[in-house]
């Protein structure tokens, strides 16, 4: 459950700071890095604070022990899906204007 919660928080931070027209530039890296550090301090002693299935899969491959691998894979997928659901609920579907802004294109109201 902890892995689901921290993965949801990470994806929400990423989507809130670095998606579409809401990209906040260099501060997005500070926000995302800060979240990873805080989540690591909180959850690392409990679960290892993976938040990424590859981070847990590689050591399991080297050890040859896959007993707990499924937890990290399922938790990150579930956490990511919850975060995307929150994004849609809170911000809705991106508009055409937001998509154009995210691509760096100008939006002229007379073109519509």
PDB file of N, CA and C in Angstrom:
ATOM      1  N   UNK A   1       0.821  -1.198   0.000  1.00  0.00           N
ATOM      2  CA  UNK A   1       0.000   0.000   0.000  1.00  0.00           C
ATOM      3  C   UNK A   1       0.866   1.264   0.000  1.00  0.00           C
ATOM      4  N   UNK A   2       1.962   1.201   0.732  1.00  0.00           N
ATOM      5  CA  UNK A   2       2.849   2.369   0.793  1.00  0.00           C
ATOM      6  C   UNK A   2       3.416   2.685  -0.588  1.00  0.00           C
ATOM      7  N   UNK A   3       3.798   1.671  -1.338  1.00  0.00           N
ATOM      8  CA  UNK A   3       4.326   1.891  -2.686  1.00  0.00           C
ATOM      9  C   UNK A   3       3.272   2.513  -3.600  1.00  0.00           C
ATOM     10  N   UNK A   4       2.024   2.119  -3.453  1.00  0.00           N
ATOM     11  CA  UNK A   4       0.945   2.718  -4.242  1.00  0.00           C
ATOM     12  C   UNK A   4       0.822   4.200  -3.908  1.00  0.00           C
ATOM     13  N   UNK A   5       0.842   4.536  -2.628  1.00  0.00           N
ATOM     14  CA  UNK A   5       0.684   5.928  -2.193  1.00  0.00           C
ATOM     15  C   UNK A   5       1.842   6.789  -2.690  1.00  0.00           C
ATOM     16  N   UNK A   6       3.086   6.338  -2.512  1.00  0.00           N
ATOM     17  CA  UNK A   6       4.203   7.186  -2.919  1.00  0.00           C
ATOM     18  C   UNK A   6       4.333   7.277  -4.443  1.00  0.00           C
ATOM     19  N   UNK A   7       3.948   6.230  -5.160  1.00  0.00           N
ATOM     20  CA  UNK A   7       3.951   6.306  -6.624  1.00  0.00           C
ATOM     21  C   UNK A   7       2.876   7.269  -7.107  1.00  0.00           C
ATOM     22  N   UNK A   8       1.710   7.226  -6.492  1.00  0.00           N
ATOM     23  CA  UNK A   8       0.645   8.170  -6.835  1.00  0.00           C
ATOM     24  C   UNK A   8       1.115   9.598  -6.608  1.00  0.00           C
ATOM     25  N   UNK A   9       1.758   9.843  -5.480  1.00  0.00           N
ATOM     26  CA  UNK A   9       2.273  11.182  -5.198  1.00  0.00           C
ATOM     27  C   UNK A   9       3.315  11.629  -6.202  1.00  0.00           C
ATOM     28  N   UNK A  10       4.205  10.730  -6.594  1.00  0.00           N
ATOM     29  CA  UNK A  10       5.242  11.080  -7.568  1.00  0.00           C
ATOM     30  C   UNK A  10       4.628  11.423  -8.921  1.00  0.00           C
ATOM     31  N   UNK A  11       3.723  10.597  -9.394  1.00  0.00           N
ATOM     32  CA  UNK A  11       3.104  10.857 -10.697  1.00  0.00           C
ATOM     33  C   UNK A  11       2.267  12.127 -10.648  1.00  0.00           C
ATOM     34  N   UNK A  12       1.567  12.382  -9.540  1.00  0.00           N
ATOM     35  CA  UNK A  12       0.821  13.632  -9.403  1.00  0.00           C
ATOM     36  C   UNK A  12       1.751  14.829  -9.444  1.00  0.00           C
ATOM     37  N   UNK A  13       2.902  14.731  -8.807  1.00  0.00           N
ATOM     38  CA  UNK A  13       3.875  15.820  -8.834  1.00  0.00           C
ATOM     39  C   UNK A  13       4.385  16.044 -10.249  1.00  0.00           C
ATOM     40  N   UNK A  14       4.683  14.973 -10.952  1.00  0.00           N
ATOM     41  CA  UNK A  14       5.159  15.092 -12.328  1.00  0.00           C
ATOM     42  C   UNK A  14       4.091  15.715 -13.217  1.00  0.00           C
ATOM     43  N   UNK A  15       2.877  15.208 -13.140  1.00  0.00           N
ATOM     44  CA  UNK A  15       1.801  15.729 -13.982  1.00  0.00           C
ATOM     45  C   UNK A  15       1.420  17.151 -13.602  1.00  0.00           C
ATOM     46  N   UNK A  16       1.536  17.498 -12.328  1.00  0.00           N
ATOM     47  CA  UNK A  16       1.188  18.843 -11.887  1.00  0.00           C
ATOM     48  C   UNK A  16       2.207  19.896 -12.252  1.00  0.00           C
ATOM     49  N   UNK A  17       3.449  19.498 -12.471  1.00  0.00           N
ATOM     50  CA  UNK A  17       4.490  20.488 -12.736  1.00  0.00           C
ATOM     51  C   UNK A  17       5.045  20.444 -14.144  1.00  0.00           C
ATOM     52  N   UNK A  18       4.888  19.347 -14.830  1.00  0.00           N
ATOM     53  CA  UNK A  18       5.573  19.208 -16.112  1.00  0.00           C
ATOM     54  C   UNK A  18       4.702  18.630 -17.216  1.00  0.00           C
ATOM     55  N   UNK A  19       3.428  18.931 -17.220  1.00  0.00           N
ATOM     56  CA  UNK A  19       2.582  18.390 -18.281  1.00  0.00           C
ATOM     57  C   UNK A  19       1.857  19.508 -19.006  1.00  0.00           C
ATOM     58  N   UNK A  20       1.901  19.428 -20.314  1.00  0.00           N
ATOM     59  CA  UNK A  20       1.170  20.361 -21.151  1.00  0.00           C
ATOM     60  C   UNK A  20       1.550  21.805 -20.925  1.00  0.00           C
ATOM     61  N   UNK A  21       0.579  22.665 -20.970  1.00  0.00           N
ATOM     62  CA  UNK A  21       0.807  24.102 -20.814  1.00  0.00           C
ATOM     63  C   UNK A  21       1.162  24.463 -19.380  1.00  0.00           C
ATOM     64  N   UNK A  22       1.032  23.513 -18.455  1.00  0.00           N
ATOM     65  CA  UNK A  22       1.325  23.791 -17.044  1.00  0.00           C
ATOM     66  C   UNK A  22       2.791  23.557 -16.713  1.00  0.00           C
ATOM     67  N   UNK A  23       3.641  23.371 -17.718  1.00  0.00           N
ATOM     68  CA  UNK A  23       5.061  23.123 -17.490  1.00  0.00           C
ATOM     69  C   UNK A  23       5.677  24.338 -16.805  1.00  0.00           C
ATOM     70  N   UNK A  24       6.313  24.125 -15.663  1.00  0.00           N
ATOM     71  CA  UNK A  24       6.885  25.253 -14.931  1.00  0.00           C
ATOM     72  C   UNK A  24       8.405  25.288 -15.013  1.00  0.00           C
ATOM     73  N   UNK A  25       8.969  24.655 -16.033  1.00  0.00           N
ATOM     74  CA  UNK A  25      10.390  24.763 -16.318  1.00  0.00           C
ATOM     75  C   UNK A  25      11.292  24.118 -15.292  1.00  0.00           C
ATOM     76  N   UNK A  26      12.357  24.841 -14.945  1.00  0.00           N
ATOM     77  CA  UNK A  26      13.376  24.306 -14.041  1.00  0.00           C
ATOM     78  C   UNK A  26      12.808  23.996 -12.657  1.00  0.00           C
ATOM     79  N   UNK A  27      11.796  24.699 -12.248  1.00  0.00           N
ATOM     80  CA  UNK A  27      11.199  24.431 -10.932  1.00  0.00           C
ATOM     81  C   UNK A  27      10.524  23.068 -10.880  1.00  0.00           C
ATOM     82  N   UNK A  28      10.153  22.530 -12.047  1.00  0.00           N
ATOM     83  CA  UNK A  28       9.569  21.190 -12.082  1.00  0.00           C
ATOM     84  C   UNK A  28      10.582  20.171 -11.587  1.00  0.00           C
ATOM     85  N   UNK A  29      11.830  20.337 -11.983  1.00  0.00           N
ATOM     86  CA  UNK A  29      12.872  19.400 -11.539  1.00  0.00           C
ATOM     87  C   UNK A  29      13.072  19.498 -10.033  1.00  0.00           C
ATOM     88  N   UNK A  30      13.013  20.692  -9.493  1.00  0.00           N
ATOM     89  CA  UNK A  30      13.165  20.870  -8.044  1.00  0.00           C
ATOM     90  C   UNK A  30      12.005  20.210  -7.305  1.00  0.00           C
ATOM     91  N   UNK A  31      10.781  20.412  -7.806  1.00  0.00           N
ATOM     92  CA  UNK A  31       9.607  19.820  -7.165  1.00  0.00           C
ATOM     93  C   UNK A  31       9.653  18.297  -7.220  1.00  0.00           C
ATOM     94  N   UNK A  32       9.994  17.752  -8.371  1.00  0.00           N
ATOM     95  CA  UNK A  32      10.029  16.294  -8.525  1.00  0.00           C
ATOM     96  C   UNK A  32      11.164  15.694  -7.699  1.00  0.00           C
ATOM     97  N   UNK A  33      12.338  16.290  -7.762  1.00  0.00           N
ATOM     98  CA  UNK A  33      13.462  15.807  -6.964  1.00  0.00           C
ATOM     99  C   UNK A  33      13.192  15.912  -5.476  1.00  0.00           C
ATOM    100  N   UNK A  34      12.557  17.013  -5.075  1.00  0.00           N
ATOM    101  CA  UNK A  34      12.200  17.175  -3.665  1.00  0.00           C
ATOM    102  C   UNK A  34      11.210  16.127  -3.207  1.00  0.00           C
ATOM    103  N   UNK A  35      10.232  15.814  -4.064  1.00  0.00           N
ATOM    104  CA  UNK A  35       9.263  14.782  -3.693  1.00  0.00           C
ATOM    105  C   UNK A  35       9.952  13.428  -3.551  1.00  0.00           C
ATOM    106  N   UNK A  36      10.843  13.103  -4.476  1.00  0.00           N
ATOM    107  CA  UNK A  36      11.533  11.815  -4.414  1.00  0.00           C
ATOM    108  C   UNK A  36      12.362  11.721  -3.138  1.00  0.00           C
ATOM    109  N   UNK A  37      13.045  12.810  -2.782  1.00  0.00           N
ATOM    110  CA  UNK A  37      13.851  12.798  -1.558  1.00  0.00           C
ATOM    111  C   UNK A  37      12.975  12.617  -0.317  1.00  0.00           C
ATOM    112  N   UNK A  38      11.885  13.374  -0.229  1.00  0.00           N
ATOM    113  CA  UNK A  38      11.004  13.262   0.939  1.00  0.00           C
ATOM    114  C   UNK A  38      10.335  11.893   1.014  1.00  0.00           C
ATOM    115  N   UNK A  39       9.881  11.384  -0.123  1.00  0.00           N
ATOM    116  CA  UNK A  39       9.258  10.058  -0.126  1.00  0.00           C
ATOM    117  C   UNK A  39      10.287   8.993   0.246  1.00  0.00           C
ATOM    118  N   UNK A  40      11.520   9.197  -0.193  1.00  0.00           N
ATOM    119  CA  UNK A  40      12.577   8.259   0.164  1.00  0.00           C
ATOM    120  C   UNK A  40      12.862   8.253   1.650  1.00  0.00           C
ATOM    121  N   UNK A  41      12.931   9.439   2.252  1.00  0.00           N
ATOM    122  CA  UNK A  41      13.156   9.510   3.701  1.00  0.00           C
ATOM    123  C   UNK A  41      12.038   8.822   4.467  1.00  0.00           C
ATOM    124  N   UNK A  42      10.812   8.996   3.979  1.00  0.00           N
ATOM    125  CA  UNK A  42       9.660   8.456   4.702  1.00  0.00           C
ATOM    126  C   UNK A  42       9.491   6.953   4.469  1.00  0.00           C
ATOM    127  N   UNK A  43       9.564   6.524   3.201  1.00  0.00           N
ATOM    128  CA  UNK A  43       9.190   5.153   2.873  1.00  0.00           C
ATOM    129  C   UNK A  43      10.365   4.188   2.707  1.00  0.00           C
ATOM    130  N   UNK A  44      11.566   4.684   2.535  1.00  0.00           N
ATOM    131  CA  UNK A  44      12.702   3.779   2.329  1.00  0.00           C
ATOM    132  C   UNK A  44      12.882   2.784   3.470  1.00  0.00           C
ATOM    133  N   UNK A  45      12.760   3.199   4.728  1.00  0.00           N
ATOM    134  CA  UNK A  45      12.910   2.195   5.790  1.00  0.00           C
ATOM    135  C   UNK A  45      11.794   1.143   5.801  1.00  0.00           C
ATOM    136  N   UNK A  46      10.653   1.486   5.216  1.00  0.00           N
ATOM    137  CA  UNK A  46       9.511   0.569   5.242  1.00  0.00           C
ATOM    138  C   UNK A  46       9.484  -0.372   4.044  1.00  0.00           C
ATOM    139  N   UNK A  47       9.648   0.185   2.831  1.00  0.00           N
ATOM    140  CA  UNK A  47       9.504  -0.630   1.621  1.00  0.00           C
ATOM    141  C   UNK A  47      10.651  -0.481   0.637  1.00  0.00           C
ATOM    142  N   UNK A  48      11.537   0.441   0.853  1.00  0.00           N
ATOM    143  CA  UNK A  48      12.607   0.702  -0.102  1.00  0.00           C
ATOM    144  C   UNK A  48      12.302   1.866  -1.022  1.00  0.00           C
ATOM    145  N   UNK A  49      11.088   2.383  -0.986  1.00  0.00           N
ATOM    146  CA  UNK A  49      10.661   3.539  -1.790  1.00  0.00           C
ATOM    147  C   UNK A  49      11.045   3.391  -3.255  1.00  0.00           C
ATOM    148  N   UNK A  50      10.592   2.336  -3.868  1.00  0.00           N
ATOM    149  CA  UNK A  50      10.964   2.061  -5.255  1.00  0.00           C
ATOM    150  C   UNK A  50      10.387   3.097  -6.220  1.00  0.00           C
ATOM    151  N   UNK A  51       9.084   3.240  -6.264  1.00  0.00           N
ATOM    152  CA  UNK A  51       8.359   4.162  -7.152  1.00  0.00           C
ATOM    153  C   UNK A  51       8.665   3.932  -8.630  1.00  0.00           C
ATOM    154  N   UNK A  52       9.389   2.863  -8.945  1.00  0.00           N
ATOM    155  CA  UNK A  52       9.783   2.557 -10.304  1.00  0.00           C
ATOM    156  C   UNK A  52      10.062   1.045 -10.355  1.00  0.00           C
ATOM    157  N   UNK A  53       9.335   0.303 -11.177  1.00  0.00           N
ATOM    158  CA  UNK A  53       9.534  -1.146 -11.172  1.00  0.00           C
ATOM    159  C   UNK A  53      10.940  -1.569 -11.587  1.00  0.00           C
ATOM    160  N   UNK A  54      11.593  -0.794 -12.447  1.00  0.00           N
ATOM    161  CA  UNK A  54      12.944  -1.161 -12.872  1.00  0.00           C
ATOM    162  C   UNK A  54      13.933  -1.074 -11.714  1.00  0.00           C
ATOM    163  N   UNK A  55      13.683  -0.154 -10.797  1.00  0.00           N
ATOM    164  CA  UNK A  55      14.567   0.009  -9.647  1.00  0.00           C
ATOM    165  C   UNK A  55      14.533  -1.215  -8.738  1.00  0.00           C
ATOM    166  N   UNK A  56      13.446  -1.921  -8.712  1.00  0.00           N
ATOM    167  CA  UNK A  56      13.330  -3.133  -7.902  1.00  0.00           C
ATOM    168  C   UNK A  56      13.592  -4.397  -8.713  1.00  0.00           C
ATOM    169  N   UNK A  57      13.323  -4.346 -10.002  1.00  0.00           N
ATOM    170  CA  UNK A  57      13.481  -5.531 -10.835  1.00  0.00           C
ATOM    171  C   UNK A  57      14.950  -5.891 -11.037  1.00  0.00           C
ATOM    172  N   UNK A  58      15.794  -4.909 -11.285  1.00  0.00           N
ATOM    173  CA  UNK A  58      17.214  -5.186 -11.546  1.00  0.00           C
ATOM    174  C   UNK A  58      17.892  -5.898 -10.374  1.00  0.00           C
ATOM    175  N   UNK A  59      17.761  -5.416  -9.130  1.00  0.00           N
ATOM    176  CA  UNK A  59      18.379  -6.159  -8.026  1.00  0.00           C
ATOM    177  C   UNK A  59      17.798  -7.564  -7.856  1.00  0.00           C
ATOM    178  N   UNK A  60      16.503  -7.720  -8.138  1.00  0.00           N
ATOM    179  CA  UNK A  60      15.892  -9.044  -8.031  1.00  0.00           C
ATOM    180  C   UNK A  60      16.459  -9.999  -9.075  1.00  0.00           C
ATOM    181  N   UNK A  61      16.746  -9.484 -10.269  1.00  0.00           N
ATOM    182  CA  UNK A  61      17.348 -10.320 -11.310  1.00  0.00           C
ATOM    183  C   UNK A  61      18.744 -10.755 -10.879  1.00  0.00           C
ATOM    184  N   UNK A  62      19.517  -9.809 -10.345  1.00  0.00           N
ATOM    185  CA  UNK A  62      20.878 -10.143  -9.904  1.00  0.00           C
ATOM    186  C   UNK A  62      20.853 -11.164  -8.767  1.00  0.00           C
ATOM    187  N   UNK A  63      19.941 -10.992  -7.821  1.00  0.00           N
ATOM    188  CA  UNK A  63      19.822 -11.930  -6.698  1.00  0.00           C
ATOM    189  C   UNK A  63      19.197 -13.253  -7.104  1.00  0.00           C
ATOM    190  N   UNK A  64      18.381 -13.207  -8.151  1.00  0.00           N
ATOM    191  CA  UNK A  64      17.665 -14.412  -8.558  1.00  0.00           C
ATOM    192  C   UNK A  64      16.484 -14.712  -7.653  1.00  0.00           C
ATOM    193  N   UNK A  65      15.984 -13.698  -6.968  1.00  0.00           N
ATOM    194  CA  UNK A  65      14.879 -13.862  -6.023  1.00  0.00           C
ATOM    195  C   UNK A  65      13.724 -12.965  -6.473  1.00  0.00           C
ATOM    196  N   UNK A  66      12.640 -13.580  -6.911  1.00  0.00           N
ATOM    197  CA  UNK A  66      11.507 -12.824  -7.443  1.00  0.00           C
ATOM    198  C   UNK A  66      10.257 -12.927  -6.565  1.00  0.00           C
ATOM    199  N   UNK A  67      10.425 -13.260  -5.309  1.00  0.00           N
ATOM    200  CA  UNK A  67       9.280 -13.445  -4.415  1.00  0.00           C
ATOM    201  C   UNK A  67       8.473 -12.167  -4.211  1.00  0.00           C
ATOM    202  N   UNK A  68       9.130 -11.025  -4.112  1.00  0.00           N
ATOM    203  CA  UNK A  68       8.428  -9.761  -3.848  1.00  0.00           C
ATOM    204  C   UNK A  68       8.382  -8.838  -5.053  1.00  0.00           C
ATOM    205  N   UNK A  69       8.880  -9.273  -6.187  1.00  0.00           N
ATOM    206  CA  UNK A  69       8.916  -8.416  -7.375  1.00  0.00           C
ATOM    207  C   UNK A  69       7.518  -7.977  -7.790  1.00  0.00           C
ATOM    208  N   UNK A  70       6.567  -8.863  -7.689  1.00  0.00           N
ATOM    209  CA  UNK A  70       5.203  -8.550  -8.121  1.00  0.00           C
ATOM    210  C   UNK A  70       4.630  -7.363  -7.352  1.00  0.00           C
ATOM    211  N   UNK A  71       5.018  -7.200  -6.101  1.00  0.00           N
ATOM    212  CA  UNK A  71       4.499  -6.084  -5.296  1.00  0.00           C
ATOM    213  C   UNK A  71       4.891  -4.763  -5.920  1.00  0.00           C
ATOM    214  N   UNK A  72       6.151  -4.627  -6.278  1.00  0.00           N
ATOM    215  CA  UNK A  72       6.649  -3.367  -6.826  1.00  0.00           C
ATOM    216  C   UNK A  72       6.107  -3.089  -8.220  1.00  0.00           C
ATOM    217  N   UNK A  73       5.931  -4.125  -9.015  1.00  0.00           N
ATOM    218  CA  UNK A  73       5.377  -3.934 -10.356  1.00  0.00           C
ATOM    219  C   UNK A  73       3.897  -3.544 -10.271  1.00  0.00           C
ATOM    220  N   UNK A  74       3.122  -4.286  -9.503  1.00  0.00           N
ATOM    221  CA  UNK A  74       1.689  -3.986  -9.375  1.00  0.00           C
ATOM    222  C   UNK A  74       1.447  -2.640  -8.688  1.00  0.00           C
ATOM    223  N   UNK A  75       2.209  -2.353  -7.655  1.00  0.00           N
ATOM    224  CA  UNK A  75       2.010  -1.104  -6.903  1.00  0.00           C
ATOM    225  C   UNK A  75       2.287   0.117  -7.762  1.00  0.00           C
ATOM    226  N   UNK A  76       3.335   0.070  -8.580  1.00  0.00           N
ATOM    227  CA  UNK A  76       3.632   1.235  -9.406  1.00  0.00           C
ATOM    228  C   UNK A  76       2.597   1.421 -10.513  1.00  0.00           C
ATOM    229  N   UNK A  77       2.113   0.339 -11.062  1.00  0.00           N
ATOM    230  CA  UNK A  77       1.077   0.453 -12.096  1.00  0.00           C
ATOM    231  C   UNK A  77      -0.215   0.991 -11.489  1.00  0.00           C
ATOM    232  N   UNK A  78      -0.617   0.459 -10.362  1.00  0.00           N
ATOM    233  CA  UNK A  78      -1.838   0.930  -9.695  1.00  0.00           C
ATOM    234  C   UNK A  78      -1.688   2.386  -9.275  1.00  0.00           C
ATOM    235  N   UNK A  79      -0.541   2.745  -8.697  1.00  0.00           N
ATOM    236  CA  UNK A  79      -0.298   4.127  -8.286  1.00  0.00           C
ATOM    237  C   UNK A  79      -0.342   5.092  -9.459  1.00  0.00           C
ATOM    238  N   UNK A  80       0.253   4.696 -10.577  1.00  0.00           N
ATOM    239  CA  UNK A  80       0.235   5.551 -11.765  1.00  0.00           C
ATOM    240  C   UNK A  80      -1.188   5.718 -12.303  1.00  0.00           C
ATOM    241  N   UNK A  81      -1.957   4.645 -12.322  1.00  0.00           N
ATOM    242  CA  UNK A  81      -3.342   4.747 -12.801  1.00  0.00           C
ATOM    243  C   UNK A  81      -4.182   5.644 -11.896  1.00  0.00           C
ATOM    244  N   UNK A  82      -3.987   5.545 -10.597  1.00  0.00           N
ATOM    245  CA  UNK A  82      -4.709   6.423  -9.661  1.00  0.00           C
ATOM    246  C   UNK A  82      -4.330   7.874  -9.897  1.00  0.00           C
ATOM    247  N   UNK A  83      -3.037   8.136 -10.096  1.00  0.00           N
ATOM    248  CA  UNK A  83      -2.573   9.508 -10.322  1.00  0.00           C
ATOM    249  C   UNK A  83      -3.150  10.094 -11.601  1.00  0.00           C
ATOM    250  N   UNK A  84      -3.202   9.304 -12.663  1.00  0.00           N
ATOM    251  CA  UNK A  84      -3.783   9.779 -13.919  1.00  0.00           C
ATOM    252  C   UNK A  84      -5.282  10.030 -13.734  1.00  0.00           C
ATOM    253  N   UNK A  85      -5.937   9.175 -12.969  1.00  0.00           N
ATOM    254  CA  UNK A  85      -7.358   9.410 -12.663  1.00  0.00           C
ATOM    255  C   UNK A  85      -7.558  10.719 -11.913  1.00  0.00           C
ATOM    256  N   UNK A  86      -6.689  10.993 -10.929  1.00  0.00           N
ATOM    257  CA  UNK A  86      -6.758  12.274 -10.215  1.00  0.00           C
ATOM    258  C   UNK A  86      -6.564  13.445 -11.173  1.00  0.00           C
ATOM    259  N   UNK A  87      -5.638  13.304 -12.095  1.00  0.00           N
ATOM    260  CA  UNK A  87      -5.363  14.369 -13.072  1.00  0.00           C
ATOM    261  C   UNK A  87      -6.607  14.671 -13.904  1.00  0.00           C
ATOM    262  N   UNK A  88      -7.276  13.621 -14.370  1.00  0.00           N
ATOM    263  CA  UNK A  88      -8.485  13.827 -15.176  1.00  0.00           C
ATOM    264  C   UNK A  88      -9.609  14.424 -14.343  1.00  0.00           C
ATOM    265  N   UNK A  89      -9.760  13.963 -13.112  1.00  0.00           N
ATOM    266  CA  UNK A  89     -10.827  14.481 -12.249  1.00  0.00           C
ATOM    267  C   UNK A  89     -10.584  15.954 -11.907  1.00  0.00           C
ATOM    268  N   UNK A  90      -9.352  16.275 -11.533  1.00  0.00           N
ATOM    269  CA  UNK A  90      -9.054  17.629 -11.071  1.00  0.00           C
ATOM    270  C   UNK A  90      -8.899  18.644 -12.196  1.00  0.00           C
ATOM    271  N   UNK A  91      -8.328  18.238 -13.321  1.00  0.00           N
ATOM    272  CA  UNK A  91      -8.023  19.205 -14.374  1.00  0.00           C
ATOM    273  C   UNK A  91      -8.799  18.990 -15.659  1.00  0.00           C
ATOM    274  N   UNK A  92      -9.421  17.856 -15.800  1.00  0.00           N
ATOM    275  CA  UNK A  92     -10.203  17.581 -17.001  1.00  0.00           C
ATOM    276  C   UNK A  92      -9.341  17.296 -18.209  1.00  0.00           C
ATOM    277  N   UNK A  93     -10.000  17.074 -19.305  1.00  0.00           N
ATOM    278  CA  UNK A  93      -9.321  16.783 -20.552  1.00  0.00           C
ATOM    279  C   UNK A  93      -8.614  18.044 -21.048  1.00  0.00           C
ATOM    280  N   UNK A  94      -7.373  17.925 -21.530  1.00  0.00           N
ATOM    281  CA  UNK A  94      -6.675  19.110 -22.048  1.00  0.00           C
ATOM    282  C   UNK A  94      -7.415  19.708 -23.235  1.00  0.00           C
ATOM    283  N   UNK A  95      -7.454  21.015 -23.282  1.00  0.00           N
ATOM    284  CA  UNK A  95      -8.120  21.700 -24.382  1.00  0.00           C
ATOM    285  C   UNK A  95      -7.183  21.802 -25.585  1.00  0.00           C
ATOM    286  N   UNK A  96      -7.726  22.156 -26.732  1.00  0.00           N
ATOM    287  CA  UNK A  96      -6.914  22.343 -27.930  1.00  0.00           C
ATOM    288  C   UNK A  96      -5.912  23.468 -27.705  1.00  0.00           C
ATOM    289  N   UNK A  97      -6.342  24.499 -27.027  1.00  0.00           N
ATOM    290  CA  UNK A  97      -5.470  25.644 -26.722  1.00  0.00           C
ATOM    291  C   UNK A  97      -4.284  25.198 -25.862  1.00  0.00           C
ATOM    292  N   UNK A  98      -4.526  24.405 -24.844  1.00  0.00           N
ATOM    293  CA  UNK A  98      -3.457  23.926 -23.966  1.00  0.00           C
ATOM    294  C   UNK A  98      -2.485  23.034 -24.726  1.00  0.00           C
ATOM    295  N   UNK A  99      -2.995  22.209 -25.631  1.00  0.00           N
ATOM    296  CA  UNK A  99      -2.139  21.339 -26.422  1.00  0.00           C
ATOM    297  C   UNK A  99      -1.236  22.163 -27.335  1.00  0.00           C
ATOM    298  N   UNK A 100      -1.786  23.191 -27.944  1.00  0.00           N
ATOM    299  CA  UNK A 100      -0.984  24.050 -28.810  1.00  0.00           C
ATOM    300  C   UNK A 100       0.072  24.794 -28.006  1.00  0.00           C
ATOM    301  N   UNK A 101      -0.273  25.292 -26.837  1.00  0.00           N
ATOM    302  CA  UNK A 101       0.698  25.983 -25.991  1.00  0.00           C
ATOM    303  C   UNK A 101       1.823  25.044 -25.572  1.00  0.00           C
ATOM    304  N   UNK A 102       1.492  23.818 -25.269  1.00  0.00           N
ATOM    305  CA  UNK A 102       2.496  22.848 -24.847  1.00  0.00           C
ATOM    306  C   UNK A 102       3.483  22.553 -25.966  1.00  0.00           C
ATOM    307  N   UNK A 103       3.045  22.676 -27.201  1.00  0.00           N
ATOM    308  CA  UNK A 103       3.915  22.429 -28.339  1.00  0.00           C
ATOM    309  C   UNK A 103       4.654  23.680 -28.786  1.00  0.00           C
ATOM    310  N   UNK A 104       4.403  24.808 -28.102  1.00  0.00           N
ATOM    311  CA  UNK A 104       5.079  26.060 -28.435  1.00  0.00           C
ATOM    312  C   UNK A 104       4.475  26.786 -29.614  1.00  0.00           C
ATOM    313  N   UNK A 105       3.266  26.442 -29.985  1.00  0.00           N
ATOM    314  CA  UNK A 105       2.605  27.093 -31.110  1.00  0.00           C
ATOM    315  C   UNK A 105       1.774  28.266 -30.615  1.00  0.00           C
ATOM    316  N   UNK A 106       1.647  29.274 -31.450  1.00  0.00           N
ATOM    317  CA  UNK A 106       0.813  30.419 -31.067  1.00  0.00           C
ATOM    318  C   UNK A 106      -0.650  30.069 -31.314  1.00  0.00           C
ATOM    319  N   UNK A 107      -1.509  30.695 -30.538  1.00  0.00           N
ATOM    320  CA  UNK A 107      -2.944  30.446 -30.644  1.00  0.00           C
ATOM    321  C   UNK A 107      -3.599  31.754 -31.055  1.00  0.00           C
ATOM    322  N   UNK A 108      -4.121  31.787 -32.258  1.00  0.00           N
ATOM    323  CA  UNK A 108      -4.792  32.971 -32.761  1.00  0.00           C
ATOM    324  C   UNK A 108      -6.288  32.720 -32.731  1.00  0.00           C
ATOM    325  N   UNK A 109      -7.024  33.566 -32.022  1.00  0.00           N
ATOM    326  CA  UNK A 109      -8.466  33.358 -31.876  1.00  0.00           C
ATOM    327  C   UNK A 109      -9.204  33.496 -33.199  1.00  0.00           C
ATOM    328  N   UNK A 110      -8.615  34.219 -34.155  1.00  0.00           N
ATOM    329  CA  UNK A 110      -9.276  34.413 -35.447  1.00  0.00           C
ATOM    330  C   UNK A 110      -9.225  33.170 -36.323  1.00  0.00           C
ATOM    331  N   UNK A 111      -8.313  32.229 -35.995  1.00  0.00           N
ATOM    332  CA  UNK A 111      -8.181  31.027 -36.812  1.00  0.00           C
ATOM    333  C   UNK A 111      -9.342  30.064 -36.616  1.00  0.00           C
ATOM    334  N   UNK A 112     -10.054  30.140 -35.523  1.00  0.00           N
ATOM    335  CA  UNK A 112     -11.145  29.196 -35.241  1.00  0.00           C
ATOM    336  C   UNK A 112     -12.379  29.637 -35.888  1.00  0.00           C
TER     337      UNK A 112
END
